[in-house]
Amino acid sequence: MTAELPARRTDDDTFDVVDDALFALAERKGLWLGDDLVLVHLLDCLIEQAERCLPEAVLGARDNGAEWDDIAALLGTSPHEAWLRFAPDSPIADGRWPIPPTG
């Protein structure tokens, strides 16, 4: 199914979405975004949550015909590395997916 896929990049749209998410998360947690350590904490929370969402999205894409080449291109890695990270039959993939949120 190798298709024309968007390039892996950040832009004004991704910045705005992350900025909005940081503001919303800080507000929900009652934290002040002016503190750099709070900013690091919130960014880490968002990254960790996004990482938890990837396995299900990758497996859904595979179920819908995406090739490992497609997934690897979007993740900025090789097809073999993508397979190792996400394939259910990979010897190193975390088989506990989906990982439930903590705390």
PDB file of N, CA and C in Angstrom:
ATOM      1  N   MET A   1       0.817  -1.196   0.000  1.00  0.00           N
ATOM      2  CA  MET A   1       0.000   0.000   0.000  1.00  0.00           C
ATOM      3  C   MET A   1       0.859   1.256   0.000  1.00  0.00           C
ATOM      4  N   THR A   2       2.101   1.189  -0.300  1.00  0.00           N
ATOM      5  CA  THR A   2       2.933   2.374  -0.245  1.00  0.00           C
ATOM      6  C   THR A   2       2.227   3.515  -0.960  1.00  0.00           C
ATOM      7  N   ALA A   3       1.916   4.544  -0.225  1.00  0.00           N
ATOM      8  CA  ALA A   3       1.157   5.680  -0.745  1.00  0.00           C
ATOM      9  C   ALA A   3       1.989   6.944  -0.605  1.00  0.00           C
ATOM     10  N   GLU A   4       1.482   8.020  -1.165  1.00  0.00           N
ATOM     11  CA  GLU A   4       2.128   9.320  -1.005  1.00  0.00           C
ATOM     12  C   GLU A   4       1.811   9.821   0.395  1.00  0.00           C
ATOM     13  N   LEU A   5       2.792   9.809   1.255  1.00  0.00           N
ATOM     14  CA  LEU A   5       2.597  10.183   2.649  1.00  0.00           C
ATOM     15  C   LEU A   5       3.241  11.525   2.933  1.00  0.00           C
ATOM     16  N   PRO A   6       2.700  12.260   3.890  1.00  0.00           N
ATOM     17  CA  PRO A   6       3.323  13.545   4.232  1.00  0.00           C
ATOM     18  C   PRO A   6       4.706  13.333   4.837  1.00  0.00           C
ATOM     19  N   ALA A   7       5.571  14.299   4.623  1.00  0.00           N
ATOM     20  CA  ALA A   7       6.916  14.229   5.194  1.00  0.00           C
ATOM     21  C   ALA A   7       6.837  14.388   6.703  1.00  0.00           C
ATOM     22  N   ARG A   8       7.747  13.731   7.385  1.00  0.00           N
ATOM     23  CA  ARG A   8       7.832  13.869   8.836  1.00  0.00           C
ATOM     24  C   ARG A   8       8.461  15.215   9.143  1.00  0.00           C
ATOM     25  N   ARG A   9       7.683  16.110   9.770  1.00  0.00           N
ATOM     26  CA  ARG A   9       8.209  17.438  10.063  1.00  0.00           C
ATOM     27  C   ARG A   9       7.320  18.133  11.084  1.00  0.00           C
ATOM     28  N   THR A  10       7.856  19.189  11.613  1.00  0.00           N
ATOM     29  CA  THR A  10       7.052  20.052  12.461  1.00  0.00           C
ATOM     30  C   THR A  10       6.866  21.366  11.720  1.00  0.00           C
ATOM     31  N   ASP A  11       5.804  22.064  12.084  1.00  0.00           N
ATOM     32  CA  ASP A  11       5.518  23.332  11.429  1.00  0.00           C
ATOM     33  C   ASP A  11       4.688  24.183  12.382  1.00  0.00           C
ATOM     34  N   ASP A  12       4.156  25.272  11.887  1.00  0.00           N
ATOM     35  CA  ASP A  12       3.348  26.153  12.737  1.00  0.00           C
ATOM     36  C   ASP A  12       2.145  25.430  13.319  1.00  0.00           C
ATOM     37  N   ASP A  13       1.550  24.519  12.538  1.00  0.00           N
ATOM     38  CA  ASP A  13       0.378  23.791  13.031  1.00  0.00           C
ATOM     39  C   ASP A  13       0.745  22.886  14.205  1.00  0.00           C
ATOM     40  N   THR A  14       1.840  22.130  14.083  1.00  0.00           N
ATOM     41  CA  THR A  14       2.224  21.246  15.185  1.00  0.00           C
ATOM     42  C   THR A  14       2.637  22.057  16.411  1.00  0.00           C
ATOM     43  N   PHE A  15       3.310  23.188  16.183  1.00  0.00           N
ATOM     44  CA  PHE A  15       3.671  24.044  17.310  1.00  0.00           C
ATOM     45  C   PHE A  15       2.415  24.526  18.031  1.00  0.00           C
ATOM     46  N   ASP A  16       1.434  25.004  17.263  1.00  0.00           N
ATOM     47  CA  ASP A  16       0.197  25.515  17.869  1.00  0.00           C
ATOM     48  C   ASP A  16      -0.537  24.432  18.647  1.00  0.00           C
ATOM     49  N   VAL A  17      -0.591  23.230  18.109  1.00  0.00           N
ATOM     50  CA  VAL A  17      -1.284  22.130  18.794  1.00  0.00           C
ATOM     51  C   VAL A  17      -0.572  21.775  20.091  1.00  0.00           C
ATOM     52  N   VAL A  18       0.750  21.687  20.053  1.00  0.00           N
ATOM     53  CA  VAL A  18       1.507  21.381  21.270  1.00  0.00           C
ATOM     54  C   VAL A  18       1.360  22.514  22.278  1.00  0.00           C
ATOM     55  N   ASP A  19       1.430  23.732  21.822  1.00  0.00           N
ATOM     56  CA  ASP A  19       1.269  24.882  22.705  1.00  0.00           C
ATOM     57  C   ASP A  19      -0.107  24.858  23.372  1.00  0.00           C
ATOM     58  N   ASP A  20      -1.151  24.584  22.583  1.00  0.00           N
ATOM     59  CA  ASP A  20      -2.502  24.485  23.139  1.00  0.00           C
ATOM     60  C   ASP A  20      -2.602  23.341  24.152  1.00  0.00           C
ATOM     61  N   ALA A  21      -1.974  22.208  23.824  1.00  0.00           N
ATOM     62  CA  ALA A  21      -2.008  21.055  24.733  1.00  0.00           C
ATOM     63  C   ALA A  21      -1.272  21.373  26.032  1.00  0.00           C
ATOM     64  N   LEU A  22      -0.140  22.048  25.940  1.00  0.00           N
ATOM     65  CA  LEU A  22       0.599  22.433  27.147  1.00  0.00           C
ATOM     66  C   LEU A  22      -0.246  23.339  28.031  1.00  0.00           C
ATOM     67  N   PHE A  23      -0.872  24.324  27.429  1.00  0.00           N
ATOM     68  CA  PHE A  23      -1.713  25.250  28.186  1.00  0.00           C
ATOM     69  C   PHE A  23      -2.868  24.500  28.848  1.00  0.00           C
ATOM     70  N   ALA A  24      -3.536  23.636  28.091  1.00  0.00           N
ATOM     71  CA  ALA A  24      -4.685  22.894  28.626  1.00  0.00           C
ATOM     72  C   ALA A  24      -4.258  21.947  29.751  1.00  0.00           C
ATOM     73  N   LEU A  25      -3.136  21.269  29.575  1.00  0.00           N
ATOM     74  CA  LEU A  25      -2.668  20.337  30.599  1.00  0.00           C
ATOM     75  C   LEU A  25      -2.247  21.074  31.862  1.00  0.00           C
ATOM     76  N   ALA A  26      -1.549  22.195  31.701  1.00  0.00           N
ATOM     77  CA  ALA A  26      -1.154  22.993  32.860  1.00  0.00           C
ATOM     78  C   ALA A  26      -2.395  23.467  33.610  1.00  0.00           C
ATOM     79  N   GLU A  27      -3.383  23.909  32.877  1.00  0.00           N
ATOM     80  CA  GLU A  27      -4.621  24.379  33.506  1.00  0.00           C
ATOM     81  C   GLU A  27      -5.326  23.249  34.255  1.00  0.00           C
ATOM     82  N   ARG A  28      -5.397  22.070  33.640  1.00  0.00           N
ATOM     83  CA  ARG A  28      -6.048  20.914  34.288  1.00  0.00           C
ATOM     84  C   ARG A  28      -5.322  20.488  35.551  1.00  0.00           C
ATOM     85  N   LYS A  29      -3.991  20.585  35.538  1.00  0.00           N
ATOM     86  CA  LYS A  29      -3.188  20.152  36.686  1.00  0.00           C
ATOM     87  C   LYS A  29      -2.949  21.288  37.687  1.00  0.00           C
ATOM     88  N   GLY A  30      -3.392  22.484  37.364  1.00  0.00           N
ATOM     89  CA  GLY A  30      -3.194  23.615  38.250  1.00  0.00           C
ATOM     90  C   GLY A  30      -1.738  24.031  38.357  1.00  0.00           C
ATOM     91  N   LEU A  31      -1.003  23.927  37.244  1.00  0.00           N
ATOM     92  CA  LEU A  31       0.426  24.252  37.236  1.00  0.00           C
ATOM     93  C   LEU A  31       0.667  25.539  36.456  1.00  0.00           C
ATOM     94  N   TRP A  32       1.779  26.202  36.777  1.00  0.00           N
ATOM     95  CA  TRP A  32       2.139  27.464  36.138  1.00  0.00           C
ATOM     96  C   TRP A  32       3.150  27.211  35.034  1.00  0.00           C
ATOM     97  N   LEU A  33       2.812  27.587  33.808  1.00  0.00           N
ATOM     98  CA  LEU A  33       3.683  27.362  32.659  1.00  0.00           C
ATOM     99  C   LEU A  33       4.939  28.228  32.667  1.00  0.00           C
ATOM    100  N   GLY A  34       5.010  29.217  33.521  1.00  0.00           N
ATOM    101  CA  GLY A  34       6.189  30.072  33.590  1.00  0.00           C
ATOM    102  C   GLY A  34       7.377  29.414  34.253  1.00  0.00           C
ATOM    103  N   ASP A  35       7.179  28.254  34.846  1.00  0.00           N
ATOM    104  CA  ASP A  35       8.261  27.516  35.508  1.00  0.00           C
ATOM    105  C   ASP A  35       8.834  26.517  34.504  1.00  0.00           C
ATOM    106  N   ASP A  36      10.130  26.634  34.212  1.00  0.00           N
ATOM    107  CA  ASP A  36      10.741  25.753  33.210  1.00  0.00           C
ATOM    108  C   ASP A  36      10.662  24.284  33.583  1.00  0.00           C
ATOM    109  N   LEU A  37      10.754  23.967  34.873  1.00  0.00           N
ATOM    110  CA  LEU A  37      10.632  22.567  35.277  1.00  0.00           C
ATOM    111  C   LEU A  37       9.215  22.051  35.039  1.00  0.00           C
ATOM    112  N   VAL A  38       8.228  22.896  35.236  1.00  0.00           N
ATOM    113  CA  VAL A  38       6.845  22.515  34.929  1.00  0.00           C
ATOM    114  C   VAL A  38       6.718  22.258  33.431  1.00  0.00           C
ATOM    115  N   LEU A  39       7.311  23.112  32.628  1.00  0.00           N
ATOM    116  CA  LEU A  39       7.269  22.940  31.182  1.00  0.00           C
ATOM    117  C   LEU A  39       7.892  21.607  30.779  1.00  0.00           C
ATOM    118  N   VAL A  40       9.041  21.271  31.348  1.00  0.00           N
ATOM    119  CA  VAL A  40       9.684  19.985  31.062  1.00  0.00           C
ATOM    120  C   VAL A  40       8.757  18.843  31.452  1.00  0.00           C
ATOM    121  N   HIS A  41       8.168  18.937  32.640  1.00  0.00           N
ATOM    122  CA  HIS A  41       7.248  17.897  33.118  1.00  0.00           C
ATOM    123  C   HIS A  41       6.072  17.718  32.157  1.00  0.00           C
ATOM    124  N   LEU A  42       5.455  18.831  31.755  1.00  0.00           N
ATOM    125  CA  LEU A  42       4.281  18.746  30.884  1.00  0.00           C
ATOM    126  C   LEU A  42       4.630  18.212  29.503  1.00  0.00           C
ATOM    127  N   LEU A  43       5.756  18.647  28.946  1.00  0.00           N
ATOM    128  CA  LEU A  43       6.187  18.114  27.656  1.00  0.00           C
ATOM    129  C   LEU A  43       6.432  16.614  27.747  1.00  0.00           C
ATOM    130  N   ASP A  44       7.072  16.181  28.826  1.00  0.00           N
ATOM    131  CA  ASP A  44       7.313  14.754  29.020  1.00  0.00           C
ATOM    132  C   ASP A  44       5.998  13.978  29.109  1.00  0.00           C
ATOM    133  N   CYS A  45       5.026  14.531  29.805  1.00  0.00           N
ATOM    134  CA  CYS A  45       3.712  13.879  29.911  1.00  0.00           C
ATOM    135  C   CYS A  45       3.066  13.710  28.540  1.00  0.00           C
ATOM    136  N   LEU A  46       3.120  14.753  27.726  1.00  0.00           N
ATOM    137  CA  LEU A  46       2.517  14.695  26.392  1.00  0.00           C
ATOM    138  C   LEU A  46       3.255  13.704  25.491  1.00  0.00           C
ATOM    139  N   ILE A  47       4.572  13.712  25.554  1.00  0.00           N
ATOM    140  CA  ILE A  47       5.363  12.777  24.746  1.00  0.00           C
ATOM    141  C   ILE A  47       5.052  11.344  25.156  1.00  0.00           C
ATOM    142  N   GLU A  48       5.029  11.092  26.471  1.00  0.00           N
ATOM    143  CA  GLU A  48       4.766   9.737  26.958  1.00  0.00           C
ATOM    144  C   GLU A  48       3.388   9.256  26.512  1.00  0.00           C
ATOM    145  N   GLN A  49       2.392  10.135  26.582  1.00  0.00           N
ATOM    146  CA  GLN A  49       1.045   9.746  26.169  1.00  0.00           C
ATOM    147  C   GLN A  49       0.998   9.469  24.671  1.00  0.00           C
ATOM    148  N   ALA A  50       1.652  10.295  23.881  1.00  0.00           N
ATOM    149  CA  ALA A  50       1.693  10.069  22.434  1.00  0.00           C
ATOM    150  C   ALA A  50       2.376   8.738  22.115  1.00  0.00           C
ATOM    151  N   GLU A  51       3.449   8.438  22.841  1.00  0.00           N
ATOM    152  CA  GLU A  51       4.139   7.156  22.646  1.00  0.00           C
ATOM    153  C   GLU A  51       3.218   5.978  22.954  1.00  0.00           C
ATOM    154  N   ARG A  52       2.341   6.126  23.953  1.00  0.00           N
ATOM    155  CA  ARG A  52       1.389   5.068  24.285  1.00  0.00           C
ATOM    156  C   ARG A  52       0.360   4.854  23.175  1.00  0.00           C
ATOM    157  N   CYS A  53       0.075   5.906  22.432  1.00  0.00           N
ATOM    158  CA  CYS A  53      -0.925   5.821  21.362  1.00  0.00           C
ATOM    159  C   CYS A  53      -0.372   5.204  20.081  1.00  0.00           C
ATOM    160  N   LEU A  54       0.932   5.274  19.883  1.00  0.00           N
ATOM    161  CA  LEU A  54       1.524   4.802  18.638  1.00  0.00           C
ATOM    162  C   LEU A  54       1.292   3.319  18.340  1.00  0.00           C
ATOM    163  N   PRO A  55       1.484   2.394  19.276  1.00  0.00           N
ATOM    164  CA  PRO A  55       1.332   0.981  18.926  1.00  0.00           C
ATOM    165  C   PRO A  55      -0.036   0.649  18.323  1.00  0.00           C
ATOM    166  N   GLU A  56      -1.084   1.145  18.930  1.00  0.00           N
ATOM    167  CA  GLU A  56      -2.420   0.857  18.407  1.00  0.00           C
ATOM    168  C   GLU A  56      -2.611   1.479  17.027  1.00  0.00           C
ATOM    169  N   ALA A  57      -2.110   2.702  16.842  1.00  0.00           N
ATOM    170  CA  ALA A  57      -2.225   3.358  15.541  1.00  0.00           C
ATOM    171  C   ALA A  57      -1.435   2.599  14.471  1.00  0.00           C
ATOM    172  N   VAL A  58      -0.229   2.151  14.817  1.00  0.00           N
ATOM    173  CA  VAL A  58       0.590   1.393  13.870  1.00  0.00           C
ATOM    174  C   VAL A  58      -0.092   0.083  13.508  1.00  0.00           C
ATOM    175  N   LEU A  59      -0.590  -0.629  14.490  1.00  0.00           N
ATOM    176  CA  LEU A  59      -1.250  -1.902  14.197  1.00  0.00           C
ATOM    177  C   LEU A  59      -2.523  -1.688  13.392  1.00  0.00           C
ATOM    178  N   GLY A  60      -3.240  -0.602  13.646  1.00  0.00           N
ATOM    179  CA  GLY A  60      -4.407  -0.275  12.836  1.00  0.00           C
ATOM    180  C   GLY A  60      -4.019   0.017  11.396  1.00  0.00           C
ATOM    181  N   ALA A  61      -2.943   0.760  11.220  1.00  0.00           N
ATOM    182  CA  ALA A  61      -2.465   1.055   9.866  1.00  0.00           C
ATOM    183  C   ALA A  61      -2.065  -0.228   9.146  1.00  0.00           C
ATOM    184  N   ARG A  62      -1.386  -1.111   9.856  1.00  0.00           N
ATOM    185  CA  ARG A  62      -0.998  -2.406   9.262  1.00  0.00           C
ATOM    186  C   ARG A  62      -2.236  -3.210   8.881  1.00  0.00           C
ATOM    187  N   ASP A  63      -3.243  -3.230   9.754  1.00  0.00           N
ATOM    188  CA  ASP A  63      -4.485  -3.957   9.453  1.00  0.00           C
ATOM    189  C   ASP A  63      -5.169  -3.398   8.210  1.00  0.00           C
ATOM    190  N   ASN A  64      -4.933  -2.115   7.929  1.00  0.00           N
ATOM    191  CA  ASN A  64      -5.543  -1.468   6.768  1.00  0.00           C
ATOM    192  C   ASN A  64      -4.614  -1.432   5.553  1.00  0.00           C
ATOM    193  N   GLY A  65      -3.555  -2.230   5.587  1.00  0.00           N
ATOM    194  CA  GLY A  65      -2.714  -2.405   4.412  1.00  0.00           C
ATOM    195  C   GLY A  65      -1.431  -1.610   4.358  1.00  0.00           C
ATOM    196  N   ALA A  66      -1.117  -0.833   5.374  1.00  0.00           N
ATOM    197  CA  ALA A  66       0.136  -0.077   5.358  1.00  0.00           C
ATOM    198  C   ALA A  66       1.321  -1.031   5.453  1.00  0.00           C
ATOM    199  N   GLU A  67       2.363  -0.706   4.715  1.00  0.00           N
ATOM    200  CA  GLU A  67       3.590  -1.496   4.741  1.00  0.00           C
ATOM    201  C   GLU A  67       4.519  -0.941   5.819  1.00  0.00           C
ATOM    202  N   TRP A  68       5.471  -1.761   6.250  1.00  0.00           N
ATOM    203  CA  TRP A  68       6.450  -1.295   7.235  1.00  0.00           C
ATOM    204  C   TRP A  68       7.254  -0.121   6.677  1.00  0.00           C
ATOM    205  N   ASP A  69       7.457  -0.086   5.351  1.00  0.00           N
ATOM    206  CA  ASP A  69       8.147   1.055   4.731  1.00  0.00           C
ATOM    207  C   ASP A  69       7.386   2.357   4.979  1.00  0.00           C
ATOM    208  N   ASP A  70       6.045   2.306   4.849  1.00  0.00           N
ATOM    209  CA  ASP A  70       5.210   3.490   5.070  1.00  0.00           C
ATOM    210  C   ASP A  70       5.347   3.988   6.502  1.00  0.00           C
ATOM    211  N   ILE A  71       5.214   3.063   7.435  1.00  0.00           N
ATOM    212  CA  ILE A  71       5.261   3.399   8.857  1.00  0.00           C
ATOM    213  C   ILE A  71       6.640   3.938   9.224  1.00  0.00           C
ATOM    214  N   ALA A  72       7.671   3.284   8.725  1.00  0.00           N
ATOM    215  CA  ALA A  72       9.047   3.711   9.011  1.00  0.00           C
ATOM    216  C   ALA A  72       9.294   5.122   8.495  1.00  0.00           C
ATOM    217  N   ALA A  73       8.801   5.426   7.307  1.00  0.00           N
ATOM    218  CA  ALA A  73       9.005   6.767   6.747  1.00  0.00           C
ATOM    219  C   ALA A  73       8.360   7.825   7.629  1.00  0.00           C
ATOM    220  N   LEU A  74       7.179   7.541   8.142  1.00  0.00           N
ATOM    221  CA  LEU A  74       6.500   8.503   9.009  1.00  0.00           C
ATOM    222  C   LEU A  74       7.197   8.661  10.352  1.00  0.00           C
ATOM    223  N   LEU A  75       7.842   7.607  10.821  1.00  0.00           N
ATOM    224  CA  LEU A  75       8.508   7.646  12.125  1.00  0.00           C
ATOM    225  C   LEU A  75       9.980   8.022  12.031  1.00  0.00           C
ATOM    226  N   GLY A  76      10.485   8.186  10.832  1.00  0.00           N
ATOM    227  CA  GLY A  76      11.886   8.567  10.664  1.00  0.00           C
ATOM    228  C   GLY A  76      12.839   7.466  11.065  1.00  0.00           C
ATOM    229  N   THR A  77      12.508   6.227  10.713  1.00  0.00           N
ATOM    230  CA  THR A  77      13.345   5.091  11.067  1.00  0.00           C
ATOM    231  C   THR A  77      13.352   4.109   9.903  1.00  0.00           C
ATOM    232  N   SER A  78      13.989   2.973  10.085  1.00  0.00           N
ATOM    233  CA  SER A  78      14.011   1.950   9.036  1.00  0.00           C
ATOM    234  C   SER A  78      12.807   1.022   9.198  1.00  0.00           C
ATOM    235  N   PRO A  79      12.410   0.359   8.125  1.00  0.00           N
ATOM    236  CA  PRO A  79      11.312  -0.607   8.232  1.00  0.00           C
ATOM    237  C   PRO A  79      11.604  -1.697   9.271  1.00  0.00           C
ATOM    238  N   HIS A  80      12.846  -2.156   9.335  1.00  0.00           N
ATOM    239  CA  HIS A  80      13.197  -3.193  10.306  1.00  0.00           C
ATOM    240  C   HIS A  80      13.041  -2.680  11.736  1.00  0.00           C
ATOM    241  N   GLU A  81      13.499  -1.458  11.995  1.00  0.00           N
ATOM    242  CA  GLU A  81      13.356  -0.882  13.338  1.00  0.00           C
ATOM    243  C   GLU A  81      11.887  -0.683  13.693  1.00  0.00           C
ATOM    244  N   ALA A  82      11.080  -0.251  12.733  1.00  0.00           N
ATOM    245  CA  ALA A  82       9.642  -0.088  12.988  1.00  0.00           C
ATOM    246  C   ALA A  82       9.021  -1.442  13.318  1.00  0.00           C
ATOM    247  N   TRP A  83       9.385  -2.464  12.564  1.00  0.00           N
ATOM    248  CA  TRP A  83       8.874  -3.810  12.829  1.00  0.00           C
ATOM    249  C   TRP A  83       9.295  -4.271  14.229  1.00  0.00           C
ATOM    250  N   LEU A  84      10.564  -4.080  14.563  1.00  0.00           N
ATOM    251  CA  LEU A  84      11.032  -4.494  15.888  1.00  0.00           C
ATOM    252  C   LEU A  84      10.257  -3.803  17.002  1.00  0.00           C
ATOM    253  N   ARG A  85       9.946  -2.547  16.798  1.00  0.00           N
ATOM    254  CA  ARG A  85       9.281  -1.770  17.845  1.00  0.00           C
ATOM    255  C   ARG A  85       7.800  -2.102  17.983  1.00  0.00           C
ATOM    256  N   PHE A  86       7.130  -2.413  16.864  1.00  0.00           N
ATOM    257  CA  PHE A  86       5.676  -2.496  16.901  1.00  0.00           C
ATOM    258  C   PHE A  86       5.055  -3.832  16.503  1.00  0.00           C
ATOM    259  N   ALA A  87       5.746  -4.692  15.819  1.00  0.00           N
ATOM    260  CA  ALA A  87       5.135  -5.940  15.351  1.00  0.00           C
ATOM    261  C   ALA A  87       4.810  -6.855  16.532  1.00  0.00           C
ATOM    262  N   PRO A  88       3.604  -7.420  16.548  1.00  0.00           N
ATOM    263  CA  PRO A  88       3.242  -8.326  17.650  1.00  0.00           C
ATOM    264  C   PRO A  88       4.178  -9.523  17.769  1.00  0.00           C
ATOM    265  N   ASP A  89       4.782  -9.954  16.661  1.00  0.00           N
ATOM    266  CA  ASP A  89       5.684 -11.108  16.710  1.00  0.00           C
ATOM    267  C   ASP A  89       7.158 -10.711  16.817  1.00  0.00           C
ATOM    268  N   SER A  90       7.436  -9.444  17.090  1.00  0.00           N
ATOM    269  CA  SER A  90       8.811  -8.999  17.290  1.00  0.00           C
ATOM    270  C   SER A  90       9.323  -9.543  18.620  1.00  0.00           C
ATOM    271  N   PRO A  91      10.580  -9.940  18.655  1.00  0.00           N
ATOM    272  CA  PRO A  91      11.125 -10.459  19.913  1.00  0.00           C
ATOM    273  C   PRO A  91      11.333  -9.379  20.985  1.00  0.00           C
ATOM    274  N   ILE A  92      11.294  -8.108  20.609  1.00  0.00           N
ATOM    275  CA  ILE A  92      11.550  -7.065  21.606  1.00  0.00           C
ATOM    276  C   ILE A  92      10.374  -6.128  21.831  1.00  0.00           C
ATOM    277  N   ALA A  93       9.305  -6.244  21.047  1.00  0.00           N
ATOM    278  CA  ALA A  93       8.156  -5.354  21.221  1.00  0.00           C
ATOM    279  C   ALA A  93       7.485  -5.639  22.559  1.00  0.00           C
ATOM    280  N   ASP A  94       6.967  -4.611  23.155  1.00  0.00           N
ATOM    281  CA  ASP A  94       6.265  -4.731  24.424  1.00  0.00           C
ATOM    282  C   ASP A  94       4.871  -5.287  24.152  1.00  0.00           C
ATOM    283  N   GLY A  95       4.627  -6.510  24.556  1.00  0.00           N
ATOM    284  CA  GLY A  95       3.363  -7.175  24.282  1.00  0.00           C
ATOM    285  C   GLY A  95       2.220  -6.760  25.179  1.00  0.00           C
ATOM    286  N   ARG A  96       2.434  -5.800  26.065  1.00  0.00           N
ATOM    287  CA  ARG A  96       1.374  -5.375  26.981  1.00  0.00           C
ATOM    288  C   ARG A  96       0.458  -4.322  26.370  1.00  0.00           C
ATOM    289  N   TRP A  97       0.615  -3.984  25.112  1.00  0.00           N
ATOM    290  CA  TRP A  97      -0.186  -2.935  24.477  1.00  0.00           C
ATOM    291  C   TRP A  97      -1.640  -3.345  24.444  1.00  0.00           C
ATOM    292  N   PRO A  98      -2.550  -2.399  24.483  1.00  0.00           N
ATOM    293  CA  PRO A  98      -2.255  -1.002  24.737  1.00  0.00           C
ATOM    294  C   PRO A  98      -1.899  -0.787  26.201  1.00  0.00           C
ATOM    295  N   ILE A  99      -0.940   0.076  26.411  1.00  0.00           N
ATOM    296  CA  ILE A  99      -0.490   0.362  27.766  1.00  0.00           C
ATOM    297  C   ILE A  99      -1.465   1.333  28.409  1.00  0.00           C
ATOM    298  N   PRO A 100      -2.077   0.952  29.520  1.00  0.00           N
ATOM    299  CA  PRO A 100      -3.021   1.873  30.166  1.00  0.00           C
ATOM    300  C   PRO A 100      -2.297   3.050  30.788  1.00  0.00           C
ATOM    301  N   PRO A 101      -2.963   4.205  30.824  1.00  0.00           N
ATOM    302  CA  PRO A 101      -2.334   5.359  31.470  1.00  0.00           C
ATOM    303  C   PRO A 101      -2.116   5.114  32.952  1.00  0.00           C
ATOM    304  N   THR A 102      -1.106   5.759  33.489  1.00  0.00           N
ATOM    305  CA  THR A 102      -0.826   5.636  34.914  1.00  0.00           C
ATOM    306  C   THR A 102      -1.178   6.940  35.608  1.00  0.00           C
ATOM    307  N   GLY A 103      -1.445   6.841  36.891  1.00  0.00           N
ATOM    308  CA  GLY A 103      -1.654   8.017  37.711  1.00  0.00           C
ATOM    309  C   GLY A 103      -2.837   8.764  37.310  1.00  0.00           C
TER     310      GLY A 103
END
